[in-house]
Amino acid sequence: MLPRLVLRMRRAVRRLQRDGDDLDLTGAENSARWQAMLSEIHERDRAVERRLSEAEQALNRLDLN
């Protein structure tokens, strides 16, 4: 079971790996990639929060009470 899981993980990593990317990253490159990924995630979260806030404000303007 474990060897099959390892093979699946390797295939998934290869599939997700961009063309020409090396997996042997230095600490600085790895850190920069993580920061970029986290920044993108935070940006998406901020966009979702902004849309929810706009929707809430629109609902409040309707005054359905």
Protein backbone atom coordinates (compact mmCIF):
# COMPACT_ATOMS: atom_id res chain seq x y z
CA MET A 1 0.00 0.00 0.00
CA LEU A 2 2.70 2.50 0.92
CA PRO A 3 4.73 2.02 -2.28
CA ARG A 4 1.57 2.62 -4.34
CA LEU A 5 0.90 5.81 -2.37
CA VAL A 6 4.46 7.00 -2.94
CA LEU A 7 4.11 6.39 -6.68
CA ARG A 8 0.81 8.29 -6.76
CA MET A 9 2.40 11.22 -4.92
CA ARG A 10 5.36 11.28 -7.33
CA ARG A 11 3.01 11.29 -10.30
CA ALA A 12 0.92 14.06 -8.79
CA VAL A 13 4.01 16.18 -8.14
CA ARG A 14 5.25 15.63 -11.68
CA ARG A 15 1.84 16.54 -13.05
CA LEU A 16 1.66 19.72 -11.00
CA GLN A 17 5.26 20.67 -11.65
CA ARG A 18 5.57 23.33 -14.29
CA ASP A 19 7.74 22.60 -17.31
CA GLY A 20 11.38 23.30 -16.63
CA ASP A 21 10.94 23.74 -12.89
CA ASP A 22 13.45 22.04 -10.68
CA LEU A 23 12.35 20.53 -7.41
CA ASP A 24 15.80 21.08 -5.91
CA LEU A 25 15.24 24.60 -4.70
CA THR A 26 17.50 26.53 -2.41
CA GLY A 27 16.15 27.88 0.84
CA ALA A 28 15.70 31.39 -0.56
CA GLU A 29 13.91 30.18 -3.71
CA ASN A 30 11.69 27.88 -1.70
CA SER A 31 10.85 30.66 0.72
CA ALA A 32 10.07 33.05 -2.13
CA ARG A 33 7.75 30.53 -3.77
CA TRP A 34 5.94 29.89 -0.49
CA GLN A 35 5.53 33.62 0.09
CA ALA A 36 4.17 34.10 -3.44
CA MET A 37 1.73 31.24 -2.98
CA LEU A 38 0.57 32.54 0.40
CA SER A 39 0.22 36.05 -1.01
CA GLU A 40 -2.00 34.71 -3.79
CA ILE A 41 -4.15 32.84 -1.26
CA HIS A 42 -4.46 35.93 0.94
CA GLU A 43 -5.41 38.02 -2.08
CA ARG A 44 -8.18 35.57 -2.94
CA ASP A 45 -9.39 35.66 0.66
CA ARG A 46 -9.46 39.46 0.61
CA ALA A 47 -11.42 39.42 -2.65
CA VAL A 48 -13.96 36.99 -1.17
CA GLU A 49 -14.28 39.09 1.99
CA ARG A 50 -14.77 42.22 -0.12
CA ARG A 51 -17.52 40.58 -2.20
CA LEU A 52 -19.26 39.31 0.94
CA SER A 53 -19.07 42.77 2.47
CA GLU A 54 -20.54 44.31 -0.69
CA ALA A 55 -23.33 41.72 -0.70
CA GLU A 56 -24.06 42.40 2.97
CA GLN A 57 -24.21 46.15 2.32
CA ALA A 58 -26.58 45.59 -0.62
CA LEU A 59 -28.84 43.45 1.56
CA ASN A 60 -28.80 46.08 4.28
CA ARG A 61 -29.85 48.71 1.75
CA LEU A 62 -32.91 46.60 0.86
CA ASP A 63 -34.11 46.91 4.45
CA LEU A 64 -36.24 43.78 4.44
CA ASN A 65 -37.41 44.21 8.02
